[in-house]
C-alpha atoms as a PDB file:
ATOM      1  CA  MET A   1      -8.444   0.203 -37.319  1.00  0.00           C
ATOM      2  CA  GLN A   2      -5.542  -3.487 -37.594  1.00  0.00           C
ATOM      3  CA  ALA A   3      -3.281  -1.336 -35.719  1.00  0.00           C
ATOM      4  CA  ILE A   4      -5.930  -0.252 -32.565  1.00  0.00           C
ATOM      5  CA  TRP A   5      -7.337  -3.979 -32.371  1.00  0.00           C
ATOM      6  CA  VAL A   6      -3.614  -4.548 -31.649  1.00  0.00           C
ATOM      7  CA  ALA A   7      -3.216  -1.876 -29.390  1.00  0.00           C
ATOM      8  CA  VAL A   8      -6.931  -3.222 -27.496  1.00  0.00           C
ATOM      9  CA  ALA A   9      -4.932  -7.056 -27.564  1.00  0.00           C
ATOM     10  CA  LEU A  10      -1.864  -5.675 -26.104  1.00  0.00           C
ATOM     11  CA  TYR A  11      -3.583  -3.938 -23.774  1.00  0.00           C
ATOM     12  CA  PHE A  12      -4.518  -6.271 -21.813  1.00  0.00           C
ATOM     13  CA  ILE A  13      -2.019  -8.995 -22.539  1.00  0.00           C
ATOM     14  CA  ARG A  14       1.011  -6.785 -20.791  1.00  0.00           C
ATOM     15  CA  MET A  15      -1.367  -5.808 -18.164  1.00  0.00           C
ATOM     16  CA  PHE A  16      -1.449  -9.338 -17.459  1.00  0.00           C
ATOM     17  CA  ALA A  17       2.372  -9.498 -17.399  1.00  0.00           C
ATOM     18  CA  VAL A  18       1.900  -6.375 -14.104  1.00  0.00           C
ATOM     19  CA  THR A  19      -0.722  -7.720 -12.313  1.00  0.00           C
ATOM     20  CA  GLY A  20       0.223 -11.549 -12.756  1.00  0.00           C
ATOM     21  CA  GLY A  21       3.864 -11.374 -13.356  1.00  0.00           C
ATOM     22  CA  TYR A  22       5.321  -8.170 -12.055  1.00  0.00           C
ATOM     23  CA  HIS A  23       2.968  -8.394  -8.947  1.00  0.00           C
ATOM     24  CA  ARG A  24       1.452 -11.455  -8.463  1.00  0.00           C
ATOM     25  CA  TYR A  25       4.303 -13.557  -9.480  1.00  0.00           C
ATOM     26  CA  PHE A  26       8.111 -11.542  -8.857  1.00  0.00           C
ATOM     27  CA  SER A  27       6.728  -9.080  -6.142  1.00  0.00           C
ATOM     28  CA  HIS A  28       4.615 -11.504  -3.930  1.00  0.00           C
ATOM     29  CA  ARG A  29       5.347 -15.359  -5.064  1.00  0.00           C
ATOM     30  CA  SER A  30       1.225 -15.867  -4.746  1.00  0.00           C
ATOM     31  CA  TYR A  31       2.013 -19.116  -7.257  1.00  0.00           C
ATOM     32  CA  LYS A  32       4.981 -21.238  -8.544  1.00  0.00           C
ATOM     33  CA  THR A  33       6.798 -22.010 -11.974  1.00  0.00           C
ATOM     34  CA  SER A  34       9.789 -23.544 -13.728  1.00  0.00           C
ATOM     35  CA  ARG A  35      12.677 -21.767 -14.266  1.00  0.00           C
ATOM     36  CA  VAL A  36      11.840 -21.408 -18.060  1.00  0.00           C
ATOM     37  CA  GLY A  37       8.267 -20.581 -17.252  1.00  0.00           C
ATOM     38  CA  GLN A  38       9.923 -17.605 -14.874  1.00  0.00           C
ATOM     39  CA  PHE A  39      12.706 -16.204 -18.052  1.00  0.00           C
ATOM     40  CA  LEU A  40       9.472 -16.303 -20.109  1.00  0.00           C
ATOM     41  CA  LEU A  41       7.283 -14.057 -18.031  1.00  0.00           C
ATOM     42  CA  ALA A  42       9.648 -11.645 -17.072  1.00  0.00           C
ATOM     43  CA  PHE A  43      10.335 -11.269 -20.707  1.00  0.00           C
ATOM     44  CA  LEU A  44       6.931 -10.319 -21.197  1.00  0.00           C
ATOM     45  CA  CYS A  45       6.309  -8.780 -18.192  1.00  0.00           C
ATOM     46  CA  GLN A  46       9.343  -6.189 -19.623  1.00  0.00           C
ATOM     47  CA  THR A  47       7.996  -5.384 -22.655  1.00  0.00           C
ATOM     48  CA  THR A  48       5.590  -2.660 -20.851  1.00  0.00           C
ATOM     49  CA  ALA A  49       8.533  -0.981 -20.589  1.00  0.00           C
ATOM     50  CA  GLN A  50       7.912  -0.389 -16.529  1.00  0.00           C
ATOM     51  CA  ARG A  51      11.758  -0.986 -16.283  1.00  0.00           C
ATOM     52  CA  GLY A  52      12.790  -4.922 -14.767  1.00  0.00           C
ATOM     53  CA  VAL A  53      11.379  -7.000 -12.651  1.00  0.00           C
ATOM     54  CA  VAL A  54      13.832  -6.846 -10.419  1.00  0.00           C
ATOM     55  CA  TRP A  55      13.169  -3.454  -9.555  1.00  0.00           C
ATOM     56  CA  TRP A  56       9.663  -3.271 -10.358  1.00  0.00           C
ATOM     57  CA  SER A  57       9.449  -6.169  -7.490  1.00  0.00           C
ATOM     58  CA  ALA A  58      11.846  -4.366  -4.868  1.00  0.00           C
ATOM     59  CA  ILE A  59       9.867  -0.780  -4.842  1.00  0.00           C
ATOM     60  CA  HIS A  60       6.989  -2.733  -4.830  1.00  0.00           C
ATOM     61  CA  ARG A  61       7.542  -4.139  -1.445  1.00  0.00           C
ATOM     62  CA  HIS A  62       8.910  -1.055  -0.214  1.00  0.00           C
ATOM     63  CA  HIS A  63       5.328   0.146  -1.019  1.00  0.00           C
ATOM     64  CA  HIS A  64       4.106  -2.530   1.355  1.00  0.00           C
ATOM     65  CA  LEU A  65       6.658  -2.446   3.789  1.00  0.00           C
ATOM     66  CA  TYR A  66       5.674   1.623   4.500  1.00  0.00           C
ATOM     67  CA  SER A  67       2.466   1.703   3.137  1.00  0.00           C
ATOM     68  CA  ASP A  68       1.129   5.145   3.305  1.00  0.00           C
ATOM     69  CA  THR A  69       3.486   6.699   5.725  1.00  0.00           C
ATOM     70  CA  GLU A  70       6.148   8.906   4.885  1.00  0.00           C
ATOM     71  CA  HIS A  71       8.366   6.505   3.706  1.00  0.00           C
ATOM     72  CA  ASP A  72       5.857   5.048   0.781  1.00  0.00           C
ATOM     73  CA  VAL A  73       7.459   6.066  -2.857  1.00  0.00           C
ATOM     74  CA  HIS A  74       3.793   6.672  -3.836  1.00  0.00           C
ATOM     75  CA  SER A  75       1.278   7.612  -1.415  1.00  0.00           C
ATOM     76  CA  PRO A  76      -1.404  10.157  -1.862  1.00  0.00           C
ATOM     77  CA  ARG A  77      -1.758  10.989   1.336  1.00  0.00           C
ATOM     78  CA  HIS A  78       1.672  12.100   1.790  1.00  0.00           C
ATOM     79  CA  HIS A  79       2.463  13.644  -1.218  1.00  0.00           C
ATOM     80  CA  GLY A  80      -0.498  14.340  -3.185  1.00  0.00           C
ATOM     81  CA  PHE A  81      -2.236  12.506  -6.037  1.00  0.00           C
ATOM     82  CA  TRP A  82      -0.262  13.537  -9.344  1.00  0.00           C
ATOM     83  CA  TYR A  83       2.561  12.784  -7.441  1.00  0.00           C
ATOM     84  CA  SER A  84       1.660   9.268  -6.478  1.00  0.00           C
ATOM     85  CA  HIS A  85       0.613   8.635  -9.625  1.00  0.00           C
ATOM     86  CA  VAL A  86       3.231   9.503 -11.607  1.00  0.00           C
ATOM     87  CA  GLY A  87       5.331  11.987 -10.444  1.00  0.00           C
ATOM     88  CA  TRP A  88       7.326   9.762  -8.447  1.00  0.00           C
ATOM     89  CA  ILE A  89       8.665   8.188 -11.307  1.00  0.00           C
ATOM     90  CA  PHE A  90      11.077  10.898 -12.017  1.00  0.00           C
ATOM     91  CA  ASN A  91      12.666  11.439  -8.063  1.00  0.00           C
ATOM     92  CA  PRO A  92      15.419   9.848  -8.657  1.00  0.00           C
ATOM     93  CA  SER A  93      15.381   8.174  -5.023  1.00  0.00           C
ATOM     94  CA  SER A  94      13.256   5.968  -6.855  1.00  0.00           C
ATOM     95  CA  TRP A  95      15.595   5.104  -8.843  1.00  0.00           C
ATOM     96  CA  LYS A  96      17.593   2.720  -6.481  1.00  0.00           C
ATOM     97  CA  PRO A  97      15.321   0.702  -4.749  1.00  0.00           C
ATOM     98  CA  ASP A  98      16.818  -1.652  -2.007  1.00  0.00           C
ATOM     99  CA  TYR A  99      17.769  -4.635  -4.173  1.00  0.00           C
ATOM    100  CA  GLY A 100      18.849  -6.886  -0.456  1.00  0.00           C
ATOM    101  CA  THR A 101      14.348  -7.201  -0.258  1.00  0.00           C
ATOM    102  CA  VAL A 102      14.726  -8.988  -3.452  1.00  0.00           C
ATOM    103  CA  ARG A 103      17.101 -11.793  -3.277  1.00  0.00           C
ATOM    104  CA  ASP A 104      14.897 -14.404  -3.805  1.00  0.00           C
ATOM    105  CA  LEU A 105      14.444 -12.585  -7.543  1.00  0.00           C
ATOM    106  CA  THR A 106      18.405 -11.965  -7.928  1.00  0.00           C
ATOM    107  CA  LYS A 107      19.799 -15.221  -6.855  1.00  0.00           C
ATOM    108  CA  TYR A 108      18.825 -16.021 -10.947  1.00  0.00           C
ATOM    109  CA  PRO A 109      21.484 -15.043 -13.590  1.00  0.00           C
ATOM    110  CA  GLU A 110      19.452 -14.964 -16.101  1.00  0.00           C
ATOM    111  CA  ILE A 111      16.748 -12.367 -14.711  1.00  0.00           C
ATOM    112  CA  GLN A 112      19.736 -10.093 -13.386  1.00  0.00           C
ATOM    113  CA  PHE A 113      20.867 -10.221 -17.447  1.00  0.00           C
ATOM    114  CA  LEU A 114      17.148  -8.906 -17.951  1.00  0.00           C
ATOM    115  CA  ASP A 115      17.046  -6.884 -15.640  1.00  0.00           C
ATOM    116  CA  ARG A 116      20.350  -5.320 -17.088  1.00  0.00           C
ATOM    117  CA  PHE A 117      18.757  -4.915 -20.390  1.00  0.00           C
ATOM    118  CA  THR A 118      15.718  -3.313 -18.808  1.00  0.00           C
ATOM    119  CA  TYR A 119      14.334  -2.353 -22.441  1.00  0.00           C
ATOM    120  CA  THR A 120      15.241  -4.553 -24.431  1.00  0.00           C
ATOM    121  CA  PRO A 121      12.031  -6.778 -24.553  1.00  0.00           C
ATOM    122  CA  ALA A 122       9.803  -3.449 -25.010  1.00  0.00           C
ATOM    123  CA  PHE A 123      12.447  -2.623 -27.754  1.00  0.00           C
ATOM    124  CA  VAL A 124      11.871  -5.987 -29.416  1.00  0.00           C
ATOM    125  CA  LEU A 125       7.920  -5.756 -29.552  1.00  0.00           C
ATOM    126  CA  GLY A 126       8.061  -2.616 -30.929  1.00  0.00           C
ATOM    127  CA  PHE A 127      10.782  -3.281 -33.973  1.00  0.00           C
ATOM    128  CA  GLY A 128       8.525  -6.407 -34.618  1.00  0.00           C
ATOM    129  CA  LEU A 129       5.322  -4.613 -34.839  1.00  0.00           C
ATOM    130  CA  TRP A 130       7.150  -1.445 -37.221  1.00  0.00           C
ATOM    131  CA  LEU A 131       8.377  -4.072 -39.062  1.00  0.00           C
ATOM    132  CA  TRP A 132       4.188  -5.721 -39.686  1.00  0.00           C
ATOM    133  CA  GLY A 133       2.598  -2.335 -40.046  1.00  0.00           C
ATOM    134  CA  GLY A 134       5.014   0.787 -40.650  1.00  0.00           C
ATOM    135  CA  TRP A 135       4.765   3.618 -38.055  1.00  0.00           C
ATOM    136  CA  PRO A 136       0.811   3.436 -37.652  1.00  0.00           C
ATOM    137  CA  MET A 137       1.498  -0.037 -36.477  1.00  0.00           C
ATOM    138  CA  LEU A 138       4.116   1.566 -34.279  1.00  0.00           C
ATOM    139  CA  VAL A 139       2.393   3.963 -33.096  1.00  0.00           C
ATOM    140  CA  VAL A 140      -1.088   2.827 -31.908  1.00  0.00           C
ATOM    141  CA  GLY A 141      -0.407  -0.567 -31.375  1.00  0.00           C
ATOM    142  CA  PHE A 142       2.756  -0.101 -29.430  1.00  0.00           C
ATOM    143  CA  PHE A 143       3.381   3.449 -28.039  1.00  0.00           C
ATOM    144  CA  TRP A 144      -0.622   3.995 -27.614  1.00  0.00           C
ATOM    145  CA  SER A 145      -0.850   0.766 -25.398  1.00  0.00           C
ATOM    146  CA  THR A 146       2.036   1.220 -23.800  1.00  0.00           C
ATOM    147  CA  VAL A 147       0.567   4.895 -22.577  1.00  0.00           C
ATOM    148  CA  ALA A 148      -2.417   3.443 -21.252  1.00  0.00           C
ATOM    149  CA  LEU A 149      -1.348   0.526 -19.560  1.00  0.00           C
ATOM    150  CA  TYR A 150       1.306   2.987 -17.940  1.00  0.00           C
ATOM    151  CA  HIS A 151      -1.924   4.796 -16.386  1.00  0.00           C
ATOM    152  CA  GLY A 152      -3.881   1.938 -15.719  1.00  0.00           C
ATOM    153  CA  THR A 153      -0.982   0.706 -13.243  1.00  0.00           C
ATOM    154  CA  PHE A 154      -0.653   4.009 -12.059  1.00  0.00           C
ATOM    155  CA  PHE A 155      -4.493   3.550 -10.986  1.00  0.00           C
ATOM    156  CA  ILE A 156      -3.669   1.779  -8.747  1.00  0.00           C
ATOM    157  CA  ASN A 157      -0.355   3.362  -6.373  1.00  0.00           C
ATOM    158  CA  SER A 158      -3.231   6.786  -6.830  1.00  0.00           C
ATOM    159  CA  LEU A 159      -6.954   6.689  -7.535  1.00  0.00           C
ATOM    160  CA  ALA A 160      -6.932   2.880  -5.484  1.00  0.00           C
ATOM    161  CA  HIS A 161      -6.083   4.562  -2.562  1.00  0.00           C
ATOM    162  CA  VAL A 162      -8.485   7.562  -2.782  1.00  0.00           C
ATOM    163  CA  LYS A 163     -11.814   5.971  -3.955  1.00  0.00           C
ATOM    164  CA  GLY A 164     -13.781   3.170  -3.318  1.00  0.00           C
ATOM    165  CA  SER A 165     -14.641   0.873  -0.211  1.00  0.00           C
ATOM    166  CA  GLN A 166     -12.229  -0.704   2.891  1.00  0.00           C
ATOM    167  CA  ARG A 167     -13.749  -4.348   3.429  1.00  0.00           C
ATOM    168  CA  TYR A 168     -10.746  -4.943   5.682  1.00  0.00           C
ATOM    169  CA  LEU A 169      -8.663  -2.922   8.682  1.00  0.00           C
ATOM    170  CA  THR A 170      -5.349  -2.439   6.705  1.00  0.00           C
ATOM    171  CA  GLY A 171      -3.446   0.419   8.676  1.00  0.00           C
ATOM    172  CA  ASP A 172      -3.410   2.653   4.903  1.00  0.00           C
ATOM    173  CA  ASP A 173      -5.830   3.894   2.744  1.00  0.00           C
ATOM    174  CA  SER A 174      -6.339   0.970   0.104  1.00  0.00           C
ATOM    175  CA  ARG A 175      -9.658   0.741  -1.488  1.00  0.00           C
ATOM    176  CA  ASN A 176     -11.520  -1.586  -3.514  1.00  0.00           C
ATOM    177  CA  ASN A 177     -13.274  -0.352  -7.218  1.00  0.00           C
ATOM    178  CA  PHE A 178     -14.986  -1.746  -8.974  1.00  0.00           C
ATOM    179  CA  LEU A 179     -14.101   0.382 -11.797  1.00  0.00           C
ATOM    180  CA  LEU A 180     -10.482  -0.055 -11.158  1.00  0.00           C
ATOM    181  CA  ALA A 181     -10.674  -4.216 -10.918  1.00  0.00           C
ATOM    182  CA  LEU A 182     -12.032  -3.821 -14.581  1.00  0.00           C
ATOM    183  CA  ILE A 183      -9.580  -1.761 -16.783  1.00  0.00           C
ATOM    184  CA  THR A 184      -6.482  -3.837 -14.589  1.00  0.00           C
ATOM    185  CA  MET A 185      -7.702  -7.532 -14.464  1.00  0.00           C
ATOM    186  CA  GLY A 186      -8.410  -7.614 -11.008  1.00  0.00           C
ATOM    187  CA  GLU A 187      -6.015  -5.176  -9.569  1.00  0.00           C
ATOM    188  CA  GLY A 188      -8.635  -3.312  -8.528  1.00  0.00           C
ATOM    189  CA  TRP A 189      -9.665  -4.816  -4.934  1.00  0.00           C
ATOM    190  CA  HIS A 190      -6.667  -3.538  -3.952  1.00  0.00           C
ATOM    191  CA  ASN A 191      -8.027  -3.256  -0.481  1.00  0.00           C
ATOM    192  CA  ASN A 192      -7.962  -7.114  -0.448  1.00  0.00           C
ATOM    193  CA  HIS A 193      -4.737  -7.301  -1.303  1.00  0.00           C
ATOM    194  CA  HIS A 194      -3.370  -4.994   1.206  1.00  0.00           C
ATOM    195  CA  HIS A 195      -5.496  -7.231   3.875  1.00  0.00           C
ATOM    196  CA  TYR A 196      -3.515 -10.689   2.443  1.00  0.00           C
ATOM    197  CA  GLN A 197      -0.753 -10.031   0.354  1.00  0.00           C
ATOM    198  CA  SER A 198       0.341 -13.724  -0.774  1.00  0.00           C
ATOM    199  CA  SER A 199      -2.610 -14.551  -2.109  1.00  0.00           C
ATOM    200  CA  THR A 200      -3.539 -15.087  -5.534  1.00  0.00           C
ATOM    201  CA  ARG A 201      -6.982 -14.608  -5.741  1.00  0.00           C
ATOM    202  CA  GLN A 202      -7.585 -10.837  -5.487  1.00  0.00           C
ATOM    203  CA  GLY A 203     -11.220 -10.417  -5.649  1.00  0.00           C
ATOM    204  CA  PHE A 204     -12.646 -12.608  -2.794  1.00  0.00           C
ATOM    205  CA  LYS A 205     -16.094 -12.387  -3.299  1.00  0.00           C
ATOM    206  CA  TRP A 206     -17.754 -14.126  -6.250  1.00  0.00           C
ATOM    207  CA  TRP A 207     -18.866 -11.419  -7.474  1.00  0.00           C
ATOM    208  CA  GLU A 208     -15.214  -9.264  -7.368  1.00  0.00           C
ATOM    209  CA  ILE A 209     -14.156 -10.217 -10.564  1.00  0.00           C
ATOM    210  CA  ASP A 210     -10.216 -10.931 -11.420  1.00  0.00           C
ATOM    211  CA  LEU A 211      -9.686 -11.959 -14.741  1.00  0.00           C
ATOM    212  CA  THR A 212      -6.008 -12.499 -14.136  1.00  0.00           C
ATOM    213  CA  TYR A 213      -6.969 -14.572 -11.164  1.00  0.00           C
ATOM    214  CA  TYR A 214      -9.259 -16.817 -13.482  1.00  0.00           C
ATOM    215  CA  ILE A 215      -6.165 -16.789 -16.428  1.00  0.00           C
ATOM    216  CA  LEU A 216      -3.641 -18.264 -13.620  1.00  0.00           C
ATOM    217  CA  VAL A 217      -6.072 -20.994 -12.684  1.00  0.00           C
ATOM    218  CA  ALA A 218      -6.761 -22.048 -16.251  1.00  0.00           C
ATOM    219  CA  LEU A 219      -3.177 -21.670 -16.557  1.00  0.00           C
ATOM    220  CA  SER A 220      -2.505 -23.888 -13.747  1.00  0.00           C
ATOM    221  CA  TRP A 221      -5.080 -26.858 -15.616  1.00  0.00           C
ATOM    222  CA  THR A 222      -2.524 -27.473 -17.582  1.00  0.00           C
ATOM    223  CA  GLY A 223       0.676 -27.136 -15.670  1.00  0.00           C
ATOM    224  CA  LEU A 224       1.855 -24.296 -16.591  1.00  0.00           C
ATOM    225  CA  VAL A 225       1.698 -22.928 -12.856  1.00  0.00           C
ATOM    226  CA  TYR A 226       1.317 -24.148  -9.747  1.00  0.00           C
ATOM    227  CA  ASP A 227       0.416 -23.601  -5.671  1.00  0.00           C
ATOM    228  CA  LEU A 228      -2.212 -21.328  -6.416  1.00  0.00           C
ATOM    229  CA  ARG A 229      -2.582 -20.027  -2.630  1.00  0.00           C
ATOM    230  CA  GLU A 230      -5.627 -18.656  -1.543  1.00  0.00           C
ATOM    231  CA  PRO A 231      -6.646 -17.012   1.741  1.00  0.00           C
ATOM    232  CA  PRO A 232      -7.944 -18.757   4.313  1.00  0.00           C
ATOM    233  CA  GLU A 233     -11.201 -18.623   5.295  1.00  0.00           C
ATOM    234  CA  ALA A 234     -10.547 -16.487   8.529  1.00  0.00           C
ATOM    235  CA  ILE A 235      -8.409 -14.154   6.467  1.00  0.00           C
ATOM    236  CA  LEU A 236     -11.688 -13.797   3.992  1.00  0.00           C
ATOM    237  CA  LYS A 237     -14.289 -13.217   7.081  1.00  0.00           C
ATOM    238  CA  GLY A 238     -11.664 -10.432   8.619  1.00  0.00           C
ATOM    239  CA  GLU A 239     -11.833 -12.474  12.127  1.00  0.00           C
ATOM    240  CA  LYS A 240      -7.688 -12.574  13.089  1.00  0.00           C
ATOM    241  CA  PRO A 241      -6.562  -9.849  15.027  1.00  0.00           C
ATOM    242  CA  VAL A 242      -4.383  -7.059  12.945  1.00  0.00           C
ATOM    243  CA  GLY A 243      -1.112  -7.664  13.277  1.00  0.00           C
ATOM    244  CA  ARG A 244       1.118  -4.818  16.013  1.00  0.00           C
ATOM    245  CA  LYS A 245       2.671  -2.803  13.302  1.00  0.00           C
ATOM    246  CA  VAL A 246      -0.941  -2.100  12.243  1.00  0.00           C
ATOM    247  CA  LEU A 247      -2.508  -1.767  14.854  1.00  0.00           C
ATOM    248  CA  GLU A 248       0.327   1.090  15.891  1.00  0.00           C
ATOM    249  CA  LYS A 249      -0.366   3.251  13.030  1.00  0.00           C
ATOM    250  CA  VAL A 250      -4.186   2.898  13.164  1.00  0.00           C
ATOM    251  CA  ALA A 251      -4.276   3.432  16.316  1.00  0.00           C
ATOM    252  CA  ALA A 252      -1.670   6.812  15.930  1.00  0.00           C
ATOM    253  CA  ASP A 253      -4.110   7.874  13.079  1.00  0.00           C
ATOM    254  CA  LEU A 254      -7.299   7.459  15.562  1.00  0.00           C
ATOM    255  CA  ALA A 255      -5.198   9.694  17.915  1.00  0.00           C
ATOM    256  CA  GLY A 256      -3.958  12.362  15.711  1.00  0.00           C
ATOM    257  CA  SER A 257      -7.762  12.625  14.704  1.00  0.00           C
ATOM    258  CA  PHE A 258      -8.338  14.743  18.001  1.00  0.00           C
ATOM    259  CA  SER A 259      -6.414  18.074  19.143  1.00  0.00           C
ATOM    260  CA  VAL A 260      -3.388  17.350  21.143  1.00  0.00           C
ATOM    261  CA  GLU A 261      -3.513  20.822  21.615  1.00  0.00           C
ATOM    262  CA  ARG A 262      -7.444  21.209  23.031  1.00  0.00           C
ATOM    263  CA  TYR A 263      -7.466  18.323  25.360  1.00  0.00           C
ATOM    264  CA  ALA A 264      -3.665  19.863  26.856  1.00  0.00           C
ATOM    265  CA  SER A 265      -5.662  23.067  27.781  1.00  0.00           C
ATOM    266  CA  ARG A 266      -8.394  21.644  28.769  1.00  0.00           C
ATOM    267  CA  VAL A 267      -5.626  19.697  31.457  1.00  0.00           C
ATOM    268  CA  ARG A 268      -3.812  23.034  32.570  1.00  0.00           C
ATOM    269  CA  GLU A 269      -7.144  24.354  33.153  1.00  0.00           C
ATOM    270  CA  ALA A 270      -7.584  21.635  34.895  1.00  0.00           C
ATOM    271  CA  TRP A 271      -4.273  21.417  36.923  1.00  0.00           C
ATOM    272  CA  ALA A 272      -4.922  25.188  37.931  1.00  0.00           C
ATOM    273  CA  GLU A 273      -7.653  24.926  39.893  1.00  0.00           C
ATOM    274  CA  SER A 274      -6.092  22.711  43.001  1.00  0.00           C
ATOM    275  CA  HIS A 275      -1.662  23.608  41.828  1.00  0.00           C
ATOM    276  CA  ARG A 276       0.272  26.241  40.658  1.00  0.00           C
ATOM    277  CA  LEU A 277       1.443  26.210  36.996  1.00  0.00           C
ATOM    278  CA  GLU A 278       4.676  26.346  38.420  1.00  0.00           C
ATOM    279  CA  ASP A 279       4.690  23.546  40.346  1.00  0.00           C
ATOM    280  CA  MET A 280       4.026  21.758  37.160  1.00  0.00           C
ATOM    281  CA  ALA A 281       6.517  23.338  35.128  1.00  0.00           C
ATOM    282  CA  GLU A 282       9.518  22.484  38.160  1.00  0.00           C
ATOM    283  CA  MET A 283       8.341  19.263  38.045  1.00  0.00           C
ATOM    284  CA  ALA A 284       8.767  18.789  34.670  1.00  0.00           C
ATOM    285  CA  ARG A 285      11.956  20.531  35.088  1.00  0.00           C
ATOM    286  CA  ARG A 286      13.233  17.511  37.223  1.00  0.00           C
ATOM    287  CA  ALA A 287      11.898  14.748  35.914  1.00  0.00           C
ATOM    288  CA  ARG A 288       9.730  15.582  32.535  1.00  0.00           C
ATOM    289  CA  SER A 289      10.528  11.839  31.376  1.00  0.00           C
ATOM    290  CA  GLN A 290       8.307  10.731  34.724  1.00  0.00           C
ATOM    291  CA  LEU A 291       6.026  13.633  34.664  1.00  0.00           C
ATOM    292  CA  GLU A 292       4.739  12.877  31.081  1.00  0.00           C
ATOM    293  CA  GLU A 293       4.187   9.000  32.243  1.00  0.00           C
ATOM    294  CA  ARG A 294       2.198   9.929  35.583  1.00  0.00           C
ATOM    295  CA  LEU A 295       0.465  12.367  33.591  1.00  0.00           C
ATOM    296  CA  ALA A 296      -0.568   9.418  30.735  1.00  0.00           C
ATOM    297  CA  GLU A 297      -0.964   6.713  33.388  1.00  0.00           C
ATOM    298  CA  LEU A 298      -3.871   9.313  34.935  1.00  0.00           C
ATOM    299  CA  SER A 299      -7.861   9.204  33.757  1.00  0.00           C
ATOM    300  CA  LEU A 300      -7.731  12.651  32.585  1.00  0.00           C
ATOM    301  CA  PRO A 301     -11.613  13.952  32.999  1.00  0.00           C
ATOM    302  CA  HIS A 302     -10.921  15.576  30.150  1.00  0.00           C
ATOM    303  CA  LEU A 303      -9.584  13.258  26.831  1.00  0.00           C
ATOM    304  CA  PRO A 304     -12.020  11.618  25.154  1.00  0.00           C
ATOM    305  CA  THR A 305     -14.006   8.751  26.803  1.00  0.00           C
ATOM    306  CA  THR A 306     -13.412   5.282  25.237  1.00  0.00           C
ATOM    307  CA  PRO A 307     -16.520   4.872  24.033  1.00  0.00           C
ATOM    308  CA  GLU A 308     -16.408   7.915  22.184  1.00  0.00           C
ATOM    309  CA  LEU A 309     -12.904   7.096  20.582  1.00  0.00           C
ATOM    310  CA  ARG A 310     -14.466   3.504  19.607  1.00  0.00           C
ATOM    311  CA  GLU A 311     -17.344   6.045  17.927  1.00  0.00           C
ATOM    312  CA  LYS A 312     -15.016   7.475  16.312  1.00  0.00           C
ATOM    313  CA  ALA A 313     -12.986   4.797  15.569  1.00  0.00           C
ATOM    314  CA  GLU A 314     -16.166   2.830  13.879  1.00  0.00           C
ATOM    315  CA  GLU A 315     -16.704   6.056  11.618  1.00  0.00           C
ATOM    316  CA  MET A 316     -12.808   6.272  10.427  1.00  0.00           C
ATOM    317  CA  PHE A 317     -12.457   2.408  10.311  1.00  0.00           C
ATOM    318  CA  ALA A 318     -13.405  -0.967   8.556  1.00  0.00           C
ATOM    319  CA  GLU A 319     -15.250  -3.886  11.207  1.00  0.00           C
ATOM    320  CA  SER A 320     -12.860  -5.805  12.513  1.00  0.00           C
ATOM    321  CA  PRO A 321     -12.309  -7.974  15.979  1.00  0.00           C
ATOM    322  CA  SER A 322      -9.227  -5.486  17.061  1.00  0.00           C
ATOM    323  CA  LEU A 323     -11.328  -2.194  17.305  1.00  0.00           C
ATOM    324  CA  ASP A 324     -10.905  -2.892  21.595  1.00  0.00           C
ATOM    325  CA  ALA A 325      -7.535  -2.753  21.182  1.00  0.00           C
ATOM    326  CA  ILE A 326      -6.836   0.083  18.710  1.00  0.00           C
ATOM    327  CA  VAL A 327      -9.067   2.459  20.779  1.00  0.00           C
ATOM    328  CA  ASN A 328      -7.164   1.632  23.903  1.00  0.00           C
ATOM    329  CA  ARG A 329      -3.579   1.898  22.871  1.00  0.00           C
ATOM    330  CA  ALA A 330      -5.038   5.209  20.980  1.00  0.00           C
ATOM    331  CA  HIS A 331      -6.282   6.171  23.946  1.00  0.00           C
ATOM    332  CA  GLU A 332      -2.975   5.962  25.767  1.00  0.00           C
ATOM    333  CA  LEU A 333      -1.052   7.672  22.713  1.00  0.00           C
ATOM    334  CA  LEU A 334      -3.126  10.707  23.126  1.00  0.00           C
ATOM    335  CA  ALA A 335      -2.770  10.838  26.678  1.00  0.00           C
ATOM    336  CA  MET A 336       1.148  10.744  26.403  1.00  0.00           C
ATOM    337  CA  ALA A 337       0.696  13.239  23.300  1.00  0.00           C
ATOM    338  CA  VAL A 338      -1.363  15.787  25.499  1.00  0.00           C
ATOM    339  CA  ALA A 339       1.248  15.208  29.019  1.00  0.00           C
ATOM    340  CA  ALA A 340       4.227  16.222  26.528  1.00  0.00           C
ATOM    341  CA  HIS A 341       2.359  19.188  25.111  1.00  0.00           C
ATOM    342  CA  VAL A 342       1.298  20.009  28.688  1.00  0.00           C
ATOM    343  CA  CYS A 343       4.950  19.362  29.985  1.00  0.00           C
ATOM    344  CA  ASP A 344       6.423  22.049  26.814  1.00  0.00           C
ATOM    345  CA  THR A 345       4.033  24.716  27.745  1.00  0.00           C
ATOM    346  CA  ALA A 346       4.737  24.543  31.269  1.00  0.00           C
ATOM    347  CA  LEU A 347       8.700  24.260  30.972  1.00  0.00           C
ATOM    348  CA  ALA A 348       8.252  27.231  27.787  1.00  0.00           C
ATOM    349  CA  SER A 349       6.109  29.701  30.674  1.00  0.00           C
ATOM    350  CA  ALA A 350       8.614  29.709  33.094  1.00  0.00           C
END
């Protein structure tokens, strides 16, 4: 029974290391600590056996850079649930991330040293438990809690991009999930986090329980950590327009929800009523790009209207002050895609 209580304690202590250490400190630098505190936090992080803090942070920053695109190392949208949950770890392409994104960490020799001896902290913890309570303490206290910790962490990569609600428009599938927030000490408020990544606090509403944040606040009273970063009021209210990168991703998703082939067929039929298709083929041969631009500029009667696009956008995405800009950009992208399809078909039939 003692080993079980140790396993439970180690789960939550080390979950704090994952959420408050690997994630909010090393990956996002959302608060500060001393250099000694940084090293001790890194050591605690690596008792989780989730590799070194430099590797973990590089992987996570890559995830945010390409969240839910084909380049994301663990996106359920592109790779499936189980691959995003655990399969990606065994892909050799994930073993050596871009360390150029973590120069703020690699400048510390002691952090590089600890990162090279990836599993030493976990071995020290496991060996200490074995000396204390023998095999039951090692198996139950260390290994059981470590496996549970793995899956708690992995659920943020997988389930938090599949199940839950989206308060903010982030251009990806990140979701808020109350149950995940409980078992991960606050990480389940994942859509909040993707909306404003540098915030120490991830539970933006008073009822969004974020145990990691509460612990960090308590530690800040002692001076062990400081400069905890808060989201601005405009961010909390969702009043700030989305960035260009998010706008392009969301507009592309909206445009992609309509059938290009269907609308291209309607455009060809409309063209055929007053022109010969051979004329279109000849135009395409002479100036394909110019034809695409010309068709895209036209107010094509067979494309979805702006109100139709907005209605679809409101079904797909959270409310945002950028919805009009997204709808307009989606209309442009859809028109260009239809024009390209019409040109390709005309050339193929010529």
